[in-house]
């Protein structure tokens, strides 16, 4: 199966018009191209982009990104610049302003279906994107590549 980079388009279900929160999951690659060999290189091809739609920097310290199984990454001393995006890779690496690393030895995001959930430092829901066959019953929320926003 080829690489899947899922653009995460937000939808405000109250008004029916597309809307982004101040910080949101903007793109996900959960199905890594090539072999799933658990190499650090392969693990770092699996990622989630988190974007700040505002002009002001946002302090992500203590925010979390988690999957359906409860595997959680906690942002530590991270400021996301205004109109900026940070990519959270699964494998090991050196954190920069634009790339963060979970330092895991196994995949996080399930190819067949999962949910990436972003919560703030108070544990409050910020955003989530889901994909997979078990979520097809919510077709009205799906974007054109199979994911949908909560």
N, C-alpha and C. Protein backbone atom coordinates (compact mmCIF):
# COMPACT_ATOMS: atom_id res chain seq x y z
N UNK A 1 0.84 -1.16 0.00
CA UNK A 1 0.00 0.00 0.00
C UNK A 1 0.89 1.23 0.00
N UNK A 2 0.48 2.29 -0.68
CA UNK A 2 1.27 3.50 -0.78
C UNK A 2 1.16 4.37 0.45
N UNK A 3 1.87 5.45 0.43
CA UNK A 3 1.87 6.39 1.55
C UNK A 3 0.53 7.11 1.61
N UNK A 4 0.09 7.36 2.80
CA UNK A 4 -1.14 8.10 2.98
C UNK A 4 -0.82 9.32 3.83
N UNK A 5 -0.99 10.48 3.26
CA UNK A 5 -0.88 11.72 4.02
C UNK A 5 -2.26 12.34 3.98
N UNK A 6 -2.94 12.28 5.07
CA UNK A 6 -4.33 12.67 5.14
C UNK A 6 -4.46 14.13 5.51
N UNK A 7 -4.94 14.99 4.60
CA UNK A 7 -5.18 16.36 5.01
C UNK A 7 -6.38 16.38 5.94
N UNK A 8 -6.27 17.12 6.98
CA UNK A 8 -7.32 17.15 7.98
C UNK A 8 -8.08 18.45 7.87
N UNK A 9 -9.19 18.44 7.15
CA UNK A 9 -9.98 19.66 6.98
C UNK A 9 -11.04 19.71 8.06
N UNK A 10 -11.07 20.80 8.78
CA UNK A 10 -12.00 20.95 9.90
C UNK A 10 -13.39 21.29 9.40
N UNK A 11 -14.38 20.93 10.17
CA UNK A 11 -15.75 21.30 9.86
C UNK A 11 -16.45 21.70 11.14
N UNK A 12 -17.13 22.82 11.11
CA UNK A 12 -17.93 23.26 12.25
C UNK A 12 -19.31 22.66 12.03
N UNK A 13 -19.66 21.65 12.79
CA UNK A 13 -20.90 20.93 12.55
C UNK A 13 -22.13 21.70 12.97
N UNK A 14 -21.96 22.80 13.70
CA UNK A 14 -23.12 23.61 14.09
C UNK A 14 -23.57 24.49 12.95
N UNK A 15 -22.64 25.08 12.21
CA UNK A 15 -23.01 26.00 11.14
C UNK A 15 -22.92 25.37 9.77
N UNK A 16 -22.16 24.27 9.64
CA UNK A 16 -22.01 23.63 8.35
C UNK A 16 -20.91 24.23 7.50
N UNK A 17 -20.24 25.30 7.96
CA UNK A 17 -19.16 25.92 7.22
C UNK A 17 -17.81 25.44 7.74
N UNK A 18 -16.84 25.23 6.85
CA UNK A 18 -15.52 24.82 7.30
C UNK A 18 -14.92 25.87 8.24
N UNK A 19 -14.24 25.38 9.28
CA UNK A 19 -13.63 26.27 10.25
C UNK A 19 -12.47 25.53 10.90
N UNK A 20 -11.38 26.25 11.13
CA UNK A 20 -10.24 25.69 11.86
C UNK A 20 -10.20 26.30 13.24
N UNK A 21 -9.84 25.49 14.22
CA UNK A 21 -9.58 25.99 15.55
C UNK A 21 -8.26 26.75 15.50
N UNK A 22 -7.90 27.42 16.57
CA UNK A 22 -6.63 28.14 16.62
C UNK A 22 -5.47 27.19 16.38
N UNK A 23 -5.50 26.02 16.99
CA UNK A 23 -4.48 24.98 16.78
C UNK A 23 -5.23 23.72 16.38
N UNK A 24 -4.76 23.06 15.34
CA UNK A 24 -5.48 21.88 14.84
C UNK A 24 -4.52 20.91 14.17
N UNK A 25 -4.98 19.67 13.99
CA UNK A 25 -4.23 18.65 13.26
C UNK A 25 -4.46 18.93 11.77
N UNK A 26 -3.41 19.28 11.07
CA UNK A 26 -3.57 19.68 9.67
C UNK A 26 -3.27 18.58 8.67
N UNK A 27 -2.46 17.59 9.05
CA UNK A 27 -2.14 16.50 8.12
C UNK A 27 -1.57 15.33 8.90
N UNK A 28 -1.80 14.12 8.38
CA UNK A 28 -1.31 12.90 9.02
C UNK A 28 -0.77 11.96 7.96
N UNK A 29 0.37 11.33 8.25
CA UNK A 29 0.84 10.21 7.43
C UNK A 29 0.90 9.01 8.37
N UNK A 30 -0.02 8.08 8.15
CA UNK A 30 -0.10 6.90 9.01
C UNK A 30 0.30 5.62 8.29
N UNK A 31 0.30 5.60 6.98
CA UNK A 31 0.68 4.41 6.22
C UNK A 31 1.98 4.72 5.51
N UNK A 32 3.07 4.27 6.08
CA UNK A 32 4.41 4.61 5.60
C UNK A 32 4.70 3.90 4.29
N UNK A 33 5.27 4.62 3.31
CA UNK A 33 5.65 3.95 2.06
C UNK A 33 6.77 2.94 2.30
N UNK A 34 6.75 1.87 1.54
CA UNK A 34 7.79 0.85 1.67
C UNK A 34 7.45 -0.14 2.77
N UNK A 35 8.49 -0.82 3.25
CA UNK A 35 8.32 -1.85 4.28
C UNK A 35 8.12 -1.24 5.65
N UNK A 36 7.26 -1.85 6.45
CA UNK A 36 7.10 -1.49 7.86
C UNK A 36 8.13 -2.29 8.64
N UNK A 37 9.39 -1.87 8.58
CA UNK A 37 10.46 -2.65 9.18
C UNK A 37 10.88 -2.15 10.56
N UNK A 38 10.17 -1.19 11.10
CA UNK A 38 10.44 -0.62 12.43
C UNK A 38 11.79 0.08 12.50
N UNK A 39 12.42 0.32 11.36
CA UNK A 39 13.66 1.09 11.39
C UNK A 39 13.32 2.52 11.78
N UNK A 40 14.29 3.23 12.33
CA UNK A 40 14.05 4.62 12.72
C UNK A 40 13.65 5.44 11.50
N UNK A 41 14.26 5.16 10.36
CA UNK A 41 13.93 5.88 9.14
C UNK A 41 12.46 5.67 8.76
N UNK A 42 11.99 4.43 8.83
CA UNK A 42 10.58 4.14 8.52
C UNK A 42 9.66 4.78 9.55
N UNK A 43 10.02 4.71 10.83
CA UNK A 43 9.18 5.29 11.87
C UNK A 43 9.06 6.81 11.72
N UNK A 44 10.10 7.46 11.25
CA UNK A 44 10.04 8.91 11.09
C UNK A 44 9.30 9.35 9.85
N UNK A 45 8.93 8.38 9.00
CA UNK A 45 8.06 8.69 7.86
C UNK A 45 6.59 8.68 8.29
N UNK A 46 6.32 8.27 9.51
CA UNK A 46 4.98 8.32 10.10
C UNK A 46 4.94 9.58 10.96
N UNK A 47 3.96 10.48 10.71
CA UNK A 47 3.94 11.75 11.42
C UNK A 47 2.55 12.38 11.46
N UNK A 48 2.44 13.38 12.33
CA UNK A 48 1.23 14.20 12.44
C UNK A 48 1.68 15.66 12.42
N UNK A 49 1.04 16.47 11.59
CA UNK A 49 1.31 17.91 11.57
C UNK A 49 0.29 18.63 12.44
N UNK A 50 0.77 19.50 13.32
CA UNK A 50 -0.07 20.34 14.15
C UNK A 50 0.18 21.78 13.73
N UNK A 51 -0.88 22.51 13.40
CA UNK A 51 -0.77 23.85 12.84
C UNK A 51 -1.44 24.88 13.74
N UNK A 52 -0.81 26.06 13.81
CA UNK A 52 -1.34 27.21 14.53
C UNK A 52 -1.92 28.17 13.50
N UNK A 53 -3.22 28.37 13.51
CA UNK A 53 -3.88 29.23 12.53
C UNK A 53 -3.86 30.70 12.92
N UNK A 54 -3.38 31.01 14.11
CA UNK A 54 -3.38 32.40 14.57
C UNK A 54 -2.06 33.08 14.24
N UNK A 55 -2.01 34.38 14.45
CA UNK A 55 -0.78 35.14 14.22
C UNK A 55 0.16 35.09 15.41
N UNK A 56 -0.34 34.71 16.57
CA UNK A 56 0.46 34.68 17.79
C UNK A 56 1.00 33.28 18.07
N UNK A 57 2.17 33.23 18.66
CA UNK A 57 2.74 31.95 19.06
C UNK A 57 1.87 31.32 20.15
N UNK A 58 1.80 29.99 20.16
CA UNK A 58 1.03 29.25 21.15
C UNK A 58 1.97 28.33 21.92
N UNK A 59 1.87 28.34 23.23
CA UNK A 59 2.68 27.48 24.08
C UNK A 59 2.02 26.10 24.14
N UNK A 60 2.65 25.09 23.58
CA UNK A 60 2.11 23.73 23.56
C UNK A 60 2.61 22.89 24.74
N UNK A 61 3.36 23.48 25.66
CA UNK A 61 3.91 22.75 26.79
C UNK A 61 2.79 22.05 27.56
N UNK A 62 2.89 20.72 27.68
CA UNK A 62 1.88 19.94 28.40
C UNK A 62 0.73 19.46 27.53
N UNK A 63 0.64 19.91 26.27
CA UNK A 63 -0.38 19.40 25.36
C UNK A 63 -0.04 17.96 25.02
N UNK A 64 -1.05 17.19 24.59
CA UNK A 64 -0.83 15.79 24.24
C UNK A 64 -1.42 15.45 22.87
N UNK A 65 -0.80 14.46 22.25
CA UNK A 65 -1.26 13.88 21.00
C UNK A 65 -1.35 12.39 21.26
N UNK A 66 -2.53 11.79 21.09
CA UNK A 66 -2.70 10.37 21.43
C UNK A 66 -3.48 9.63 20.36
N UNK A 67 -3.39 8.29 20.43
CA UNK A 67 -4.12 7.42 19.50
C UNK A 67 -5.23 6.70 20.26
N UNK A 68 -5.97 5.82 19.55
CA UNK A 68 -7.07 5.06 20.15
C UNK A 68 -6.62 4.14 21.28
N UNK A 69 -5.38 3.67 21.22
CA UNK A 69 -4.86 2.73 22.22
C UNK A 69 -4.32 3.44 23.46
N UNK A 70 -4.33 4.76 23.46
CA UNK A 70 -3.84 5.50 24.61
C UNK A 70 -2.35 5.82 24.56
N UNK A 71 -1.69 5.49 23.45
CA UNK A 71 -0.28 5.88 23.30
C UNK A 71 -0.27 7.39 23.17
N UNK A 72 0.49 8.05 24.05
CA UNK A 72 0.42 9.50 24.16
C UNK A 72 1.80 10.14 24.07
N UNK A 73 1.88 11.20 23.29
CA UNK A 73 3.07 12.04 23.22
C UNK A 73 2.72 13.35 23.92
N UNK A 74 3.59 13.81 24.82
CA UNK A 74 3.38 15.07 25.52
C UNK A 74 4.39 16.09 25.02
N UNK A 75 3.89 17.22 24.56
CA UNK A 75 4.75 18.31 24.10
C UNK A 75 5.48 18.89 25.32
N UNK A 76 6.78 19.10 25.19
CA UNK A 76 7.60 19.58 26.30
C UNK A 76 8.37 20.83 25.87
N UNK A 77 8.03 21.97 26.45
CA UNK A 77 8.71 23.24 26.15
C UNK A 77 8.67 23.55 24.66
N UNK A 78 7.49 23.49 24.07
CA UNK A 78 7.34 23.74 22.64
C UNK A 78 6.46 24.98 22.44
N UNK A 79 6.98 25.93 21.70
CA UNK A 79 6.21 27.09 21.26
C UNK A 79 5.99 26.93 19.77
N UNK A 80 4.72 27.02 19.34
CA UNK A 80 4.37 26.93 17.92
C UNK A 80 4.14 28.35 17.42
N UNK A 81 4.98 28.79 16.51
CA UNK A 81 4.91 30.17 16.04
C UNK A 81 3.59 30.43 15.31
N UNK A 82 3.25 31.70 15.21
CA UNK A 82 2.04 32.09 14.50
C UNK A 82 2.08 31.63 13.06
N UNK A 83 0.97 31.08 12.59
CA UNK A 83 0.85 30.54 11.24
C UNK A 83 1.87 29.44 10.96
N UNK A 84 2.36 28.79 12.02
CA UNK A 84 3.38 27.77 11.88
C UNK A 84 2.82 26.36 12.02
N UNK A 85 3.63 25.39 11.62
CA UNK A 85 3.29 23.98 11.72
C UNK A 85 4.47 23.23 12.31
N UNK A 86 4.19 22.29 13.18
CA UNK A 86 5.21 21.40 13.71
C UNK A 86 4.83 19.98 13.33
N UNK A 87 5.80 19.20 12.89
CA UNK A 87 5.59 17.82 12.50
C UNK A 87 6.08 16.92 13.62
N UNK A 88 5.20 16.05 14.12
CA UNK A 88 5.53 15.13 15.21
C UNK A 88 5.77 13.75 14.61
N UNK A 89 7.05 13.35 14.54
CA UNK A 89 7.46 12.06 13.98
C UNK A 89 7.37 10.98 15.06
N UNK A 90 7.19 9.75 14.65
CA UNK A 90 7.08 8.64 15.59
C UNK A 90 8.43 8.19 16.14
N UNK A 91 9.47 8.16 15.32
CA UNK A 91 10.76 7.62 15.72
C UNK A 91 11.63 8.56 16.53
N UNK A 92 12.93 8.27 16.51
CA UNK A 92 13.93 9.04 17.25
C UNK A 92 14.51 10.14 16.37
N UNK A 93 14.90 11.24 17.00
CA UNK A 93 15.55 12.33 16.29
C UNK A 93 15.84 13.48 17.22
N UNK A 94 16.38 14.55 16.67
CA UNK A 94 16.71 15.75 17.42
C UNK A 94 15.60 16.78 17.18
N UNK A 95 14.90 17.18 18.24
CA UNK A 95 13.81 18.15 18.11
C UNK A 95 14.31 19.49 17.57
N UNK A 96 13.52 20.07 16.67
CA UNK A 96 13.77 21.41 16.16
C UNK A 96 12.47 22.20 16.28
N UNK A 97 12.45 23.41 15.79
CA UNK A 97 11.22 24.23 15.82
C UNK A 97 10.13 23.66 14.93
N UNK A 98 10.51 22.90 13.91
CA UNK A 98 9.53 22.39 12.94
C UNK A 98 9.34 20.88 12.99
N UNK A 99 10.21 20.16 13.67
CA UNK A 99 10.13 18.70 13.74
C UNK A 99 10.38 18.23 15.16
N UNK A 100 9.44 17.43 15.67
CA UNK A 100 9.55 16.84 17.00
C UNK A 100 9.54 15.32 16.85
N UNK A 101 10.10 14.62 17.83
CA UNK A 101 10.23 13.17 17.75
C UNK A 101 9.71 12.52 19.02
N UNK A 102 8.86 11.49 18.84
CA UNK A 102 8.28 10.78 19.98
C UNK A 102 9.27 9.78 20.60
N UNK A 103 10.32 9.45 19.88
CA UNK A 103 11.34 8.50 20.35
C UNK A 103 10.77 7.11 20.62
N UNK A 104 9.90 6.65 19.73
CA UNK A 104 9.30 5.32 19.85
C UNK A 104 10.02 4.33 18.96
N UNK A 105 9.87 3.05 19.30
CA UNK A 105 10.48 1.97 18.52
C UNK A 105 9.43 1.19 17.71
N UNK A 106 8.18 1.56 17.81
CA UNK A 106 7.08 0.92 17.07
C UNK A 106 6.15 1.98 16.52
N UNK A 107 5.39 1.60 15.50
CA UNK A 107 4.42 2.50 14.91
C UNK A 107 3.38 2.91 15.96
N UNK A 108 2.81 4.09 15.78
CA UNK A 108 1.73 4.56 16.66
C UNK A 108 0.41 4.50 15.91
N UNK A 109 0.36 5.03 14.72
CA UNK A 109 -0.89 5.20 13.99
C UNK A 109 -1.21 3.96 13.17
N UNK A 110 -2.34 3.33 13.46
CA UNK A 110 -2.76 2.10 12.79
C UNK A 110 -3.23 2.39 11.37
N UNK A 111 -2.72 1.63 10.39
CA UNK A 111 -3.08 1.83 8.99
C UNK A 111 -4.55 1.59 8.72
N UNK A 112 -5.13 0.60 9.38
CA UNK A 112 -6.52 0.21 9.08
C UNK A 112 -7.56 1.10 9.75
N UNK A 113 -7.16 1.87 10.73
CA UNK A 113 -8.10 2.77 11.40
C UNK A 113 -7.59 3.21 12.75
N UNK A 114 -7.73 4.48 13.02
CA UNK A 114 -7.25 5.04 14.28
C UNK A 114 -7.81 6.45 14.40
N UNK A 115 -7.52 7.09 15.51
CA UNK A 115 -7.88 8.48 15.73
C UNK A 115 -6.70 9.18 16.37
N UNK A 116 -6.30 10.30 15.79
CA UNK A 116 -5.28 11.17 16.39
C UNK A 116 -6.04 12.25 17.15
N UNK A 117 -5.78 12.36 18.45
CA UNK A 117 -6.49 13.32 19.30
C UNK A 117 -5.49 14.28 19.92
N UNK A 118 -5.78 15.57 19.79
CA UNK A 118 -4.96 16.63 20.36
C UNK A 118 -5.71 17.24 21.53
N UNK A 119 -5.03 17.32 22.70
CA UNK A 119 -5.61 17.93 23.91
C UNK A 119 -4.67 18.99 24.44
N UNK A 120 -5.24 20.02 25.07
CA UNK A 120 -4.40 21.08 25.61
C UNK A 120 -3.81 20.68 26.96
N UNK A 121 -3.10 21.60 27.60
CA UNK A 121 -2.41 21.29 28.85
C UNK A 121 -3.34 21.09 30.02
N UNK A 122 -4.63 21.35 29.84
CA UNK A 122 -5.64 21.07 30.87
C UNK A 122 -6.42 19.79 30.56
N UNK A 123 -5.99 19.07 29.52
CA UNK A 123 -6.64 17.83 29.13
C UNK A 123 -7.91 18.03 28.34
N UNK A 124 -8.18 19.26 27.93
CA UNK A 124 -9.39 19.54 27.16
C UNK A 124 -9.18 19.22 25.68
N UNK A 125 -10.20 18.67 25.09
CA UNK A 125 -10.20 18.32 23.67
C UNK A 125 -9.95 19.57 22.82
N UNK A 126 -9.02 19.45 21.86
CA UNK A 126 -8.75 20.53 20.92
C UNK A 126 -9.15 20.12 19.51
N UNK A 127 -8.74 18.91 19.10
CA UNK A 127 -9.02 18.45 17.74
C UNK A 127 -8.79 16.94 17.67
N UNK A 128 -9.40 16.31 16.66
CA UNK A 128 -9.19 14.89 16.40
C UNK A 128 -9.47 14.60 14.94
N UNK A 129 -8.73 13.66 14.40
CA UNK A 129 -8.96 13.19 13.03
C UNK A 129 -8.94 11.67 13.06
N UNK A 130 -9.93 11.05 12.41
CA UNK A 130 -10.07 9.59 12.38
C UNK A 130 -10.01 9.09 10.94
N UNK A 131 -9.63 7.83 10.78
CA UNK A 131 -9.63 7.18 9.48
C UNK A 131 -9.86 5.69 9.68
N UNK A 132 -10.26 5.02 8.60
CA UNK A 132 -10.41 3.57 8.64
C UNK A 132 -11.81 3.10 8.39
N UNK A 133 -11.93 1.79 8.13
CA UNK A 133 -13.20 1.17 7.76
C UNK A 133 -14.24 1.26 8.86
N UNK A 134 -13.84 1.16 10.10
CA UNK A 134 -14.82 1.16 11.18
C UNK A 134 -15.45 2.53 11.40
N UNK A 135 -14.97 3.54 10.69
CA UNK A 135 -15.52 4.88 10.85
C UNK A 135 -16.36 5.30 9.64
N UNK A 136 -16.55 4.39 8.67
CA UNK A 136 -17.27 4.73 7.45
C UNK A 136 -18.73 5.09 7.71
N UNK A 137 -19.29 4.69 8.83
CA UNK A 137 -20.69 5.00 9.11
C UNK A 137 -20.92 6.49 9.32
N UNK A 138 -19.86 7.28 9.48
CA UNK A 138 -20.01 8.73 9.65
C UNK A 138 -19.61 9.44 8.37
N UNK A 139 -20.10 8.95 7.25
CA UNK A 139 -19.72 9.48 5.95
C UNK A 139 -19.93 10.96 5.79
N UNK A 140 -20.87 11.55 6.52
CA UNK A 140 -21.13 12.98 6.38
C UNK A 140 -19.97 13.81 6.92
N UNK A 141 -19.13 13.25 7.76
CA UNK A 141 -18.02 13.97 8.35
C UNK A 141 -16.70 13.70 7.64
N UNK A 142 -16.70 12.83 6.66
CA UNK A 142 -15.45 12.40 6.03
C UNK A 142 -14.93 13.45 5.07
N UNK A 143 -13.61 13.55 4.97
CA UNK A 143 -13.06 14.37 3.92
C UNK A 143 -12.80 13.48 2.71
N UNK A 144 -12.25 14.01 1.64
CA UNK A 144 -12.13 13.26 0.40
C UNK A 144 -11.14 12.12 0.44
N UNK A 145 -10.36 11.95 1.50
CA UNK A 145 -9.43 10.84 1.57
C UNK A 145 -9.80 9.85 2.67
N UNK A 146 -10.94 9.99 3.28
CA UNK A 146 -11.38 8.98 4.20
C UNK A 146 -11.29 9.35 5.66
N UNK A 147 -10.68 10.43 6.01
CA UNK A 147 -10.60 10.84 7.40
C UNK A 147 -11.74 11.80 7.72
N UNK A 148 -12.05 11.89 8.99
CA UNK A 148 -13.03 12.89 9.35
C UNK A 148 -12.70 13.50 10.70
N UNK A 149 -13.17 14.67 10.88
CA UNK A 149 -12.89 15.48 12.05
C UNK A 149 -14.01 15.33 13.06
N UNK A 150 -13.64 15.40 14.33
CA UNK A 150 -14.63 15.31 15.41
C UNK A 150 -14.97 16.68 15.93
